[in-house]
Amino acid sequence: MTGRDDGRRLPDEFLFGVATAGFQVEGGYNGPGQPANNWLAWEQAGRVQPSGNAVGFWDRPEEALDRAAALGCNSFRLGVEWARVFPDDRGVDRAALDRYVTIVGECADRGLDPLVTLHHFTNPAWLGEDFWLRPDAPDRYRGWVEIVVEALSSSVRNWVTVNEINVMAIGSWMMGMFPPGRYLAFDDAAIALDNLLTAHVLGYEAVHRVRADAVVTTNNTCLSVYGYDRMLTDLLLARSAGVERGDVDHWIRERRAQHDSLLPPNGAGERLVRAITAARPPYGPSAGRRSGRGGRGPPPLPRRALDAVYDSPHERTLDVLGIDYYDPMVARHFRLPGHRTAGGRSPMPSRELWDDPPDPGGLARWLGMQHALAPGLPLWVVENGLCNRVRRGRSFARLDGWDRPRYLRENIAAMMEAVDGGVPVTGYWHWSLVDNYEWGSYEPRFGLYGVDRDRGARGMRWLETDSMGDDAAGAYRRIIAGLRAGDRSVLEPD
């Protein structure tokens, strides 16, 4: 570790922020008379815990924004929820849209540059749980983006079109985690990926038509399986890399080999996962060969994303490479049912979020790899965070003993290692500012600030610590201030 002040200050324009998502923090969805999204049926059936009031951000955004500003952040990531602005198919709820205009204005009043997400795993319930399998989905999404950008563009420069395209497709049609909750529906997942990528391109164009200096990205969750992470970015970059449309499949094969050489499989499980996913790729030399003997079988998978990329007025439809870094090694996410977890044993065949192993060194390597594969793009760490478990008001320590202050120090130190090595990282957003609704449950907690969901004037109250009792917010505040002053000692253990 370097000395207390080595003179290497981050540039003033570096964005330090916290990340949130509309459905996860706003509250007021899927109840009687409330806007309904694609999680409505699952909440009504008791398949997931109701989202309820979440953190009350819709009614009281000042609580969150004041705390973010007090951390020393100069950016705040928030979502604009399609279901709230279009609660039915009759048109815009102008009051809701104006409320978002007010909120981004309040960000600016506090020196927080808003990073606005236009789709974060949710769409209006009236569009259906299988919305992203519909041929009209990208065009409907474009219409949504045009309305939001027209309203917010004077106050918002930085945008995320679609959050975690890869997780949206995997979680909805392969792992059963999100509505409609299907398992191993490879073709459906491929169609969704194609439509989501197309939607990103159309959204990118819509933003730039209104604001030429906009910075627009989409943020995959880092996954070691090429076809469900890096391939999606490569498709968006193929044209700007000089690849002819007819050569994309060959190029994708080369990029897969390059990716796997930079990130070799770390065991038999990882090799097996990669082999399975590579056997049915939506792009690459074997893509589209789905017909059975005699030519019978389902039609080829759609490839609308390539049409969008190569027909776009923009040679490159990605202004910055956004990544969400947790644990990218896919094989490590599987466990035998009955495995030990924080607070007992888990019946699931997959690892719980609060058991994800921190790997700060992996973040430095990942940033370096992404830069090597796309050297002309700056990078943002759009999400990075640690989970712990709170069940029925009881907080459980992580089995590995990690806490959030240590996680912040070591992961941000890894990011700085990448920066020192020449990787152009220009933004970092911690997930999340506050404990929120984690897609069906309040048990996973990621917040710098914890929430007591059993007490408080509004049925919940913010804590001054995180949910493990640590001063995570104070740790982040000291890191931000120290790095801006050139003091790397803030990344050393206390």
Protein backbone atom coordinates (compact mmCIF):
# COMPACT_ATOMS: atom_id res chain seq x y z
CA MET A 1 0.00 0.00 0.00
CA THR A 2 1.23 3.47 -0.82
CA GLY A 3 1.85 6.27 1.65
CA ARG A 4 -0.68 8.60 3.19
CA ASP A 5 -0.53 11.16 0.37
CA ASP A 6 1.15 9.97 -2.81
CA GLY A 7 -0.26 12.82 -4.88
CA ARG A 8 -2.32 10.52 -7.11
CA ARG A 9 -5.74 12.09 -6.74
CA LEU A 10 -8.76 10.93 -8.62
CA PRO A 11 -9.96 13.44 -11.20
CA ASP A 12 -12.72 15.75 -10.06
CA GLU A 13 -15.06 14.26 -12.63
CA PHE A 14 -14.72 10.71 -11.21
CA LEU A 15 -18.17 9.58 -10.11
CA PHE A 16 -18.53 8.06 -6.66
CA GLY A 17 -22.10 7.06 -5.99
CA VAL A 18 -24.64 4.72 -4.52
CA ALA A 19 -27.10 2.64 -6.52
CA THR A 20 -30.81 2.03 -6.07
CA ALA A 21 -33.65 0.67 -8.21
CA GLY A 22 -37.17 2.08 -8.37
CA PHE A 23 -39.21 -1.01 -7.48
CA GLN A 24 -36.76 -1.92 -4.74
CA VAL A 25 -36.90 1.38 -2.85
CA GLU A 26 -39.98 3.37 -3.86
CA GLY A 27 -42.83 1.35 -2.33
CA GLY A 28 -46.44 1.50 -3.42
CA TYR A 29 -46.65 -1.23 -6.06
CA ASN A 30 -49.00 -4.17 -6.58
CA GLY A 31 -51.46 -3.27 -3.85
CA PRO A 32 -55.10 -2.20 -4.28
CA GLY A 33 -55.24 0.96 -6.38
CA GLN A 34 -51.46 0.99 -6.85
CA PRO A 35 -49.41 0.69 -10.04
CA ALA A 36 -48.88 -2.96 -10.93
CA ASN A 37 -45.81 -4.51 -12.51
CA ASN A 38 -44.86 -7.98 -13.73
CA TRP A 39 -44.40 -9.16 -10.12
CA LEU A 40 -48.10 -8.64 -9.32
CA ALA A 41 -49.26 -12.25 -9.73
CA TRP A 42 -46.36 -13.62 -7.71
CA GLU A 43 -47.08 -11.20 -4.85
CA GLN A 44 -50.82 -11.95 -4.92
CA ALA A 45 -50.23 -15.71 -4.94
CA GLY A 46 -47.82 -15.52 -1.99
CA ARG A 47 -45.00 -16.86 -4.10
CA VAL A 48 -42.85 -13.94 -2.93
CA GLN A 49 -43.00 -11.52 -0.04
CA PRO A 50 -45.02 -8.39 -0.90
CA SER A 51 -42.86 -5.38 -1.71
CA GLY A 52 -45.08 -3.13 0.40
CA ASN A 53 -43.64 0.26 1.29
CA ALA A 54 -40.05 -0.78 0.43
CA VAL A 55 -38.01 2.15 1.80
CA GLY A 56 -40.62 4.82 1.08
CA PHE A 57 -38.42 6.57 -1.49
CA TRP A 58 -41.36 7.66 -3.64
CA ASP A 59 -42.89 9.69 -0.82
CA ARG A 60 -39.67 10.72 0.95
CA PRO A 61 -36.70 10.79 -1.46
CA GLU A 62 -35.00 13.43 0.71
CA GLU A 63 -34.09 10.80 3.33
CA ALA A 64 -32.01 8.87 0.82
CA LEU A 65 -30.61 11.82 -1.12
CA ASP A 66 -29.47 13.67 2.00
CA ARG A 67 -27.61 10.60 3.20
CA ALA A 68 -26.00 10.01 -0.19
CA ALA A 69 -24.81 13.62 -0.32
CA ALA A 70 -23.46 13.38 3.24
CA LEU A 71 -21.30 10.43 2.14
CA GLY A 72 -19.47 12.73 -0.25
CA CYS A 73 -21.04 11.11 -3.31
CA ASN A 74 -21.33 13.13 -6.48
CA SER A 75 -23.70 10.69 -8.19
CA PHE A 76 -26.90 8.83 -7.34
CA ARG A 77 -28.33 5.97 -9.36
CA LEU A 78 -32.11 5.71 -9.45
CA GLY A 79 -34.71 4.04 -11.62
CA VAL A 80 -37.71 5.45 -13.45
CA GLU A 81 -40.47 2.86 -13.26
CA TRP A 82 -42.46 2.15 -16.40
CA ALA A 83 -45.37 0.74 -14.39
CA ARG A 84 -45.73 3.94 -12.37
CA VAL A 85 -45.69 6.28 -15.37
CA PHE A 86 -47.93 3.93 -17.44
CA PRO A 87 -50.17 2.23 -14.87
CA ASP A 88 -52.46 1.14 -17.73
CA ASP A 89 -52.49 1.30 -21.52
CA ARG A 90 -54.43 4.57 -21.70
CA GLY A 91 -51.37 6.82 -21.52
CA VAL A 92 -48.96 8.70 -19.28
CA ASP A 93 -49.65 9.46 -15.64
CA ARG A 94 -48.34 13.00 -15.92
CA ALA A 95 -48.21 13.53 -12.14
CA ALA A 96 -45.94 10.50 -11.73
CA LEU A 97 -43.64 11.65 -14.52
CA ASP A 98 -43.49 15.14 -13.02
CA ARG A 99 -42.59 13.57 -9.68
CA TYR A 100 -39.54 11.95 -11.28
CA VAL A 101 -38.60 15.33 -12.74
CA THR A 102 -38.70 16.73 -9.21
CA ILE A 103 -36.58 13.89 -7.82
CA VAL A 104 -33.78 14.28 -10.37
CA GLY A 105 -33.88 18.00 -9.66
CA GLU A 106 -33.41 17.26 -5.97
CA CYS A 107 -30.39 15.14 -6.89
CA ALA A 108 -28.86 18.12 -8.70
CA ASP A 109 -29.64 20.41 -5.76
CA ARG A 110 -27.40 18.17 -3.61
CA GLY A 111 -24.55 17.92 -6.09
CA LEU A 112 -25.56 14.41 -7.10
CA ASP A 113 -25.28 13.69 -10.81
CA PRO A 114 -28.22 11.34 -11.50
CA LEU A 115 -27.58 8.04 -13.25
CA VAL A 116 -31.04 7.02 -14.45
CA THR A 117 -32.00 3.42 -15.20
CA LEU A 118 -34.84 3.09 -17.71
CA HIS A 119 -35.62 -0.60 -17.11
CA HIS A 120 -34.65 -2.54 -13.98
CA PHE A 121 -36.27 -6.00 -14.21
CA THR A 122 -39.84 -4.63 -14.27
CA ASN A 123 -42.49 -3.65 -16.78
CA PRO A 124 -46.18 -2.80 -16.42
CA ALA A 125 -48.31 -5.81 -15.52
CA TRP A 126 -50.62 -5.10 -18.44
CA LEU A 127 -47.74 -5.90 -20.83
CA GLY A 128 -47.47 -9.42 -19.40
CA GLU A 129 -44.81 -11.56 -17.74
CA ASP A 130 -43.54 -12.76 -21.14
CA PHE A 131 -43.29 -9.24 -22.52
CA TRP A 132 -39.66 -9.64 -23.62
CA LEU A 133 -40.55 -12.60 -25.83
CA ARG A 134 -42.93 -10.47 -27.89
CA PRO A 135 -41.80 -9.16 -31.30
CA ASP A 136 -43.09 -5.67 -30.46
CA ALA A 137 -41.17 -5.44 -27.15
CA PRO A 138 -38.18 -3.38 -28.41
CA ASP A 139 -40.41 -0.84 -30.17
CA ARG A 140 -42.69 -0.51 -27.15
CA TYR A 141 -39.62 0.03 -25.00
CA ARG A 142 -38.36 2.72 -27.37
CA GLY A 143 -41.65 4.58 -27.01
CA TRP A 144 -41.26 4.44 -23.24
CA VAL A 145 -37.71 5.79 -23.40
CA GLU A 146 -38.68 8.66 -25.66
CA ILE A 147 -41.24 9.90 -23.16
CA VAL A 148 -38.87 9.69 -20.18
CA VAL A 149 -35.92 11.27 -21.95
CA GLU A 150 -38.02 14.16 -23.21
CA ALA A 151 -39.01 14.89 -19.61
CA LEU A 152 -35.66 14.34 -17.86
CA SER A 153 -32.89 15.04 -20.36
CA SER A 154 -32.28 18.63 -19.28
CA SER A 155 -31.26 17.33 -15.83
CA VAL A 156 -29.84 13.91 -16.72
CA ARG A 157 -26.77 13.15 -18.81
CA ASN A 158 -25.97 9.58 -17.65
CA TRP A 159 -28.29 6.69 -18.48
CA VAL A 160 -28.58 2.91 -18.13
CA THR A 161 -30.94 1.61 -20.80
CA VAL A 162 -31.62 -1.89 -19.45
CA ASN A 163 -30.22 -3.19 -16.18
CA GLU A 164 -28.42 -6.54 -16.33
CA ILE A 165 -29.74 -7.89 -19.62
CA ASN A 166 -28.07 -11.21 -18.87
CA VAL A 167 -29.63 -11.62 -15.42
CA MET A 168 -33.06 -10.61 -16.73
CA ALA A 169 -32.98 -13.40 -19.32
CA ILE A 170 -31.37 -16.03 -17.08
CA GLY A 171 -33.50 -15.22 -14.04
CA SER A 172 -36.78 -15.23 -15.96
CA TRP A 173 -36.43 -18.11 -18.42
CA MET A 174 -33.61 -20.34 -17.16
CA MET A 175 -33.39 -20.20 -13.35
CA GLY A 176 -37.01 -19.51 -12.39
CA MET A 177 -36.08 -16.59 -10.12
CA PHE A 178 -38.16 -13.85 -11.80
CA PRO A 179 -41.59 -13.93 -13.45
CA PRO A 180 -42.58 -15.92 -15.47
CA GLY A 181 -40.31 -18.32 -13.56
CA ARG A 182 -39.28 -20.83 -16.22
CA TYR A 183 -36.40 -23.29 -16.00
CA LEU A 184 -33.87 -24.11 -18.71
CA ALA A 185 -35.96 -22.53 -21.48
CA PHE A 186 -32.85 -21.88 -23.59
CA ASP A 187 -34.71 -20.69 -26.67
CA ASP A 188 -36.91 -18.30 -24.71
CA ALA A 189 -33.84 -16.90 -22.96
CA ALA A 190 -32.15 -16.39 -26.35
CA ILE A 191 -35.20 -14.58 -27.74
CA ALA A 192 -35.32 -12.37 -24.65
CA LEU A 193 -31.61 -11.58 -24.96
CA ASP A 194 -32.08 -10.62 -28.60
CA ASN A 195 -35.04 -8.37 -27.81
CA LEU A 196 -33.31 -6.79 -24.82
CA LEU A 197 -30.17 -6.04 -26.83
CA THR A 198 -32.33 -4.57 -29.58
CA ALA A 199 -34.12 -2.47 -26.99
CA HIS A 200 -30.79 -1.17 -25.71
CA VAL A 201 -29.79 -0.02 -29.19
CA LEU A 202 -33.15 1.67 -29.77
CA GLY A 203 -32.95 3.26 -26.33
CA TYR A 204 -29.42 4.49 -27.00
CA GLU A 205 -30.62 6.16 -30.19
CA ALA A 206 -33.62 7.71 -28.44
CA VAL A 207 -31.47 9.24 -25.71
CA HIS A 208 -28.89 10.64 -28.13
CA ARG A 209 -31.55 12.16 -30.38
CA VAL A 210 -32.57 14.38 -27.49
CA ARG A 211 -29.21 14.88 -25.78
CA ALA A 212 -26.14 14.54 -27.98
CA ASP A 213 -23.68 14.62 -25.05
CA ALA A 214 -25.44 11.83 -23.16
CA VAL A 215 -23.45 8.92 -21.73
CA VAL A 216 -25.45 5.72 -22.25
CA THR A 217 -24.64 2.18 -21.20
CA THR A 218 -26.10 -1.16 -20.21
CA ASN A 219 -24.58 -3.06 -17.29
CA ASN A 220 -24.20 -6.82 -17.39
CA THR A 221 -23.58 -8.73 -14.20
CA CYS A 222 -20.09 -10.18 -14.56
CA LEU A 223 -20.35 -13.87 -15.47
CA SER A 224 -17.58 -16.22 -16.48
CA VAL A 225 -19.74 -17.81 -19.20
CA TYR A 226 -19.02 -15.93 -22.42
CA GLY A 227 -22.41 -16.40 -24.07
CA TYR A 228 -24.31 -14.81 -21.19
CA ASP A 229 -22.06 -11.85 -20.50
CA ARG A 230 -19.19 -10.71 -22.67
CA MET A 231 -20.80 -11.90 -25.91
CA LEU A 232 -23.61 -9.39 -25.43
CA THR A 233 -21.11 -6.55 -25.19
CA ASP A 234 -19.18 -7.87 -28.18
CA LEU A 235 -22.35 -7.82 -30.30
CA LEU A 236 -22.84 -4.16 -29.45
CA LEU A 237 -19.21 -3.41 -30.34
CA ALA A 238 -18.83 -5.59 -33.45
CA ARG A 239 -19.60 -2.86 -35.97
CA SER A 240 -17.30 -0.30 -34.33
CA ALA A 241 -14.56 -2.97 -34.29
CA GLY A 242 -14.74 -3.12 -38.10
CA VAL A 243 -16.51 -6.50 -38.27
CA GLU A 244 -18.70 -6.98 -41.33
CA ARG A 245 -22.23 -8.15 -40.66
CA GLY A 246 -21.64 -11.49 -42.37
CA ASP A 247 -18.49 -12.11 -40.31
CA VAL A 248 -20.07 -11.68 -36.87
CA ASP A 249 -20.41 -15.41 -36.11
CA HIS A 250 -16.76 -16.05 -36.94
CA TRP A 251 -15.72 -13.04 -34.87
CA ILE A 252 -17.81 -14.23 -31.92
CA ARG A 253 -15.96 -17.58 -32.04
CA GLU A 254 -12.63 -15.75 -31.93
CA ARG A 255 -13.80 -13.53 -29.09
CA ARG A 256 -15.00 -16.54 -27.10
CA ALA A 257 -11.55 -18.11 -27.43
CA GLN A 258 -9.88 -14.84 -26.43
CA HIS A 259 -12.22 -14.44 -23.45
CA ASP A 260 -11.61 -17.98 -22.23
CA SER A 261 -7.86 -17.56 -22.54
CA LEU A 262 -8.01 -14.43 -20.39
CA LEU A 263 -10.38 -16.14 -17.94
CA PRO A 264 -9.59 -19.87 -18.03
CA PRO A 265 -12.03 -22.24 -16.26
CA ASN A 266 -10.98 -22.88 -12.67
CA GLY A 267 -12.23 -26.45 -12.40
CA ALA A 268 -14.33 -29.26 -13.86
CA GLY A 269 -17.60 -27.61 -12.85
CA GLU A 270 -16.75 -24.40 -14.67
CA ARG A 271 -15.66 -26.32 -17.77
CA LEU A 272 -18.97 -28.22 -17.76
CA VAL A 273 -21.06 -25.04 -17.43
CA ARG A 274 -19.19 -23.39 -20.29
CA ALA A 275 -19.57 -26.46 -22.49
CA ILE A 276 -23.32 -26.63 -21.90
CA THR A 277 -23.92 -22.96 -22.66
CA ALA A 278 -21.59 -23.00 -25.67
CA ALA A 279 -23.57 -25.90 -27.18
CA ARG A 280 -26.67 -23.73 -27.73
CA PRO A 281 -25.43 -20.23 -28.46
CA PRO A 282 -27.73 -17.57 -29.96
CA TYR A 283 -24.67 -16.30 -31.87
CA GLY A 284 -21.54 -18.03 -33.11
CA PRO A 285 -20.77 -20.68 -35.74
CA SER A 286 -23.33 -23.22 -34.44
CA ALA A 287 -26.11 -20.71 -33.82
CA GLY A 288 -29.39 -21.25 -35.62
CA ARG A 289 -28.72 -24.93 -36.41
CA ARG A 290 -31.83 -26.10 -34.63
CA SER A 291 -33.74 -28.12 -37.20
CA GLY A 292 -34.14 -31.83 -36.64
CA ARG A 293 -33.64 -34.67 -39.12
CA GLY A 294 -35.23 -33.92 -42.46
CA GLY A 295 -35.22 -30.19 -41.81
CA ARG A 296 -38.05 -30.37 -39.32
CA GLY A 297 -37.83 -28.45 -36.07
CA PRO A 298 -38.34 -24.99 -34.64
CA PRO A 299 -37.40 -21.97 -36.76
CA PRO A 300 -34.04 -20.25 -36.31
CA LEU A 301 -33.75 -17.91 -33.37
CA PRO A 302 -34.28 -14.22 -34.17
CA ARG A 303 -31.26 -11.97 -34.59
CA ARG A 304 -32.87 -8.55 -34.50
CA ALA A 305 -30.08 -7.14 -32.36
CA LEU A 306 -27.65 -7.38 -35.27
CA ASP A 307 -30.08 -5.53 -37.52
CA ALA A 308 -30.35 -2.81 -34.89
CA VAL A 309 -26.57 -2.55 -34.41
CA TYR A 310 -25.75 -2.41 -38.12
CA ASP A 311 -28.68 -0.18 -39.09
CA SER A 312 -28.09 2.35 -36.30
CA PRO A 313 -26.96 5.88 -37.20
CA HIS A 314 -24.35 5.37 -34.47
CA GLU A 315 -21.35 3.18 -35.26
CA ARG A 316 -21.07 2.29 -31.55
CA THR A 317 -24.12 2.11 -29.31
CA LEU A 318 -22.22 2.04 -26.03
CA ASP A 319 -20.54 5.11 -24.55
CA VAL A 320 -19.02 3.44 -21.50
CA LEU A 321 -18.64 -0.20 -20.52
CA GLY A 322 -20.72 -0.79 -17.38
CA ILE A 323 -20.20 -3.84 -15.17
CA ASP A 324 -21.86 -5.16 -12.01
CA TYR A 325 -19.29 -7.11 -10.01
CA TYR A 326 -20.26 -9.67 -7.36
CA ASP A 327 -18.99 -13.22 -7.94
CA PRO A 328 -18.59 -13.95 -11.66
CA MET A 329 -17.56 -17.63 -11.52
CA VAL A 330 -20.79 -19.38 -12.49
CA ALA A 331 -19.97 -22.87 -11.23
CA ARG A 332 -19.45 -21.53 -7.71
CA HIS A 333 -23.12 -20.56 -7.54
CA PHE A 334 -24.33 -24.17 -7.38
CA ARG A 335 -24.58 -26.10 -4.10
CA LEU A 336 -26.09 -29.36 -2.91
CA PRO A 337 -29.49 -28.92 -1.23
CA GLY A 338 -29.16 -28.86 2.53
CA HIS A 339 -25.86 -26.98 2.51
CA ARG A 340 -24.96 -24.81 5.48
CA THR A 341 -25.81 -21.14 5.22
CA ALA A 342 -26.08 -18.12 7.49
CA GLY A 343 -28.95 -18.85 9.88
CA GLY A 344 -29.28 -22.57 9.19
CA ARG A 345 -29.33 -24.77 6.12
CA SER A 346 -30.63 -24.06 2.65
CA PRO A 347 -32.85 -26.44 0.65
CA MET A 348 -31.84 -24.75 -2.60
CA PRO A 349 -29.40 -26.21 -5.15
CA SER A 350 -27.82 -22.77 -5.49
CA ARG A 351 -25.81 -20.54 -3.19
CA GLU A 352 -27.62 -17.81 -1.26
CA LEU A 353 -26.70 -14.18 -1.91
CA TRP A 354 -25.32 -13.80 1.60
CA ASP A 355 -22.86 -16.62 0.92
CA ASP A 356 -21.33 -15.07 -2.22
CA PRO A 357 -17.55 -15.16 -1.64
CA PRO A 358 -15.85 -11.75 -1.90
CA ASP A 359 -13.03 -11.67 -4.43
CA PRO A 360 -11.55 -8.16 -4.59
CA GLY A 361 -8.55 -9.34 -6.57
CA GLY A 362 -10.98 -10.69 -9.12
CA LEU A 363 -12.41 -7.21 -9.61
CA ALA A 364 -9.00 -5.85 -10.61
CA ARG A 365 -8.49 -8.75 -13.00
CA TRP A 366 -11.99 -8.38 -14.43
CA LEU A 367 -11.55 -4.68 -15.10
CA GLY A 368 -8.23 -5.40 -16.79
CA MET A 369 -9.79 -8.11 -18.94
CA GLN A 370 -12.72 -5.92 -20.02
CA HIS A 371 -10.29 -3.15 -20.92
CA ALA A 372 -8.15 -5.56 -22.94
CA LEU A 373 -11.22 -6.68 -24.90
CA ALA A 374 -12.48 -3.10 -25.52
CA PRO A 375 -9.51 -0.74 -25.10
CA GLY A 376 -11.31 2.31 -26.48
CA LEU A 377 -14.03 2.49 -23.82
CA PRO A 378 -13.99 3.94 -20.30
CA LEU A 379 -15.44 1.66 -17.61
CA TRP A 380 -17.97 2.10 -14.83
CA VAL A 381 -18.47 -0.21 -11.87
CA VAL A 382 -22.23 0.30 -11.78
CA GLU A 383 -22.83 -2.15 -8.91
CA ASN A 384 -20.59 -3.77 -6.30
CA GLY A 385 -21.74 -4.83 -2.87
CA LEU A 386 -21.86 -7.37 -0.03
CA CYS A 387 -24.94 -9.21 1.21
CA ASN A 388 -25.88 -10.39 4.68
CA ARG A 389 -29.05 -12.00 6.00
CA VAL A 390 -31.76 -10.58 8.25
CA ARG A 391 -34.65 -12.90 9.04
CA ARG A 392 -37.62 -11.89 11.20
CA GLY A 393 -35.64 -9.02 12.61
CA ARG A 394 -32.58 -11.09 13.45
CA SER A 395 -29.29 -10.30 11.71
CA PHE A 396 -26.99 -13.22 10.97
CA ALA A 397 -23.24 -12.85 10.59
CA ARG A 398 -21.74 -14.02 7.34
CA LEU A 399 -20.16 -17.46 7.58
CA ASP A 400 -16.88 -16.15 6.16
CA GLY A 401 -16.63 -13.31 8.70
CA TRP A 402 -16.57 -10.51 6.13
CA ASP A 403 -18.08 -7.15 6.97
CA ARG A 404 -19.02 -4.24 4.75
CA PRO A 405 -16.21 -1.80 5.74
CA ARG A 406 -13.61 -4.41 4.80
CA TYR A 407 -15.46 -5.18 1.58
CA LEU A 408 -15.49 -1.50 0.62
CA ARG A 409 -11.80 -1.03 1.36
CA GLU A 410 -10.60 -4.10 -0.50
CA ASN A 411 -12.85 -3.80 -3.54
CA ILE A 412 -12.17 -0.11 -4.02
CA ALA A 413 -8.46 -0.83 -3.53
CA ALA A 414 -8.76 -3.40 -6.33
CA MET A 415 -10.44 -0.81 -8.53
CA MET A 416 -7.61 1.63 -7.80
CA GLU A 417 -5.09 -1.09 -8.67
CA ALA A 418 -6.76 -1.36 -12.06
CA VAL A 419 -6.73 2.44 -12.46
CA ASP A 420 -3.01 2.51 -11.62
CA GLY A 421 -2.50 -0.15 -14.28
CA GLY A 422 -4.02 2.07 -16.94
CA VAL A 423 -7.63 0.90 -16.93
CA PRO A 424 -9.85 3.97 -17.50
CA VAL A 425 -12.37 3.46 -14.69
CA THR A 426 -14.35 6.68 -14.29
CA GLY A 427 -17.17 5.74 -11.92
CA TYR A 428 -18.08 3.47 -8.98
CA TRP A 429 -21.56 3.00 -7.46
CA HIS A 430 -21.95 0.91 -4.33
CA TRP A 431 -24.96 -1.41 -4.19
CA SER A 432 -26.76 -0.25 -2.22
CA LEU A 433 -27.37 2.87 -0.18
CA VAL A 434 -29.97 1.16 2.02
CA ASP A 435 -31.46 -2.27 2.63
CA ASN A 436 -34.29 -2.72 0.16
CA TYR A 437 -36.57 -5.22 -1.57
CA GLU A 438 -34.35 -7.88 -3.13
CA TRP A 439 -36.66 -9.40 -5.74
CA GLY A 440 -39.11 -11.31 -3.62
CA SER A 441 -37.65 -10.96 -0.15
CA TYR A 442 -36.35 -8.56 2.47
CA GLU A 443 -33.95 -11.16 3.90
CA PRO A 444 -30.94 -10.26 1.69
CA ARG A 445 -29.45 -6.96 2.90
CA PHE A 446 -26.95 -4.93 0.87
CA GLY A 447 -27.31 -1.47 2.39
CA LEU A 448 -24.69 0.88 3.78
CA TYR A 449 -27.63 1.74 6.02
CA GLY A 450 -29.81 -0.91 7.59
CA VAL A 451 -33.57 -0.68 7.99
CA ASP A 452 -35.67 -1.77 10.94
CA ARG A 453 -38.82 -3.03 9.24
CA ASP A 454 -40.71 -3.67 12.48
CA ARG A 455 -40.51 -0.28 14.18
CA GLY A 456 -40.83 3.33 13.17
CA ALA A 457 -43.50 5.91 12.53
CA ARG A 458 -44.01 4.64 8.96
CA GLY A 459 -43.63 0.93 9.69
CA MET A 460 -39.86 1.13 9.15
CA ARG A 461 -36.94 3.30 10.12
CA TRP A 462 -33.39 3.86 8.92
CA LEU A 463 -30.56 2.69 11.14
CA GLU A 464 -27.34 4.64 11.62
CA THR A 465 -25.32 1.48 10.93
CA ASP A 466 -25.69 -1.28 8.41
CA SER A 467 -27.73 -4.33 9.36
CA MET A 468 -24.66 -6.07 10.83
CA GLY A 469 -24.08 -3.13 13.18
CA ASP A 470 -21.05 -1.73 11.34
CA ASP A 471 -20.44 1.86 10.29
CA ALA A 472 -20.36 1.02 6.60
CA ALA A 473 -21.52 4.49 5.59
CA GLY A 474 -18.70 6.06 7.60
CA ALA A 475 -16.19 3.74 5.95
CA TYR A 476 -17.41 4.74 2.48
CA ARG A 477 -17.37 8.42 3.44
CA ARG A 478 -13.73 8.20 4.58
CA ILE A 479 -12.69 6.31 1.45
CA ILE A 480 -14.28 8.86 -0.88
CA ALA A 481 -12.76 11.82 0.95
CA GLY A 482 -9.34 10.17 1.19
CA LEU A 483 -9.11 9.18 -2.45
CA ARG A 484 -10.20 12.59 -3.61
CA ALA A 485 -7.40 14.05 -1.47
CA GLY A 486 -4.83 11.52 -2.73
CA ASP A 487 -4.70 9.67 0.60
CA ARG A 488 -4.51 5.94 -0.12
CA SER A 489 -4.16 5.06 3.57
CA VAL A 490 -7.98 5.04 3.79
CA LEU A 491 -7.84 1.69 1.96
CA GLU A 492 -5.67 0.11 4.65
CA PRO A 493 -7.21 -2.01 7.45
CA ASP A 494 -8.29 -0.01 10.49
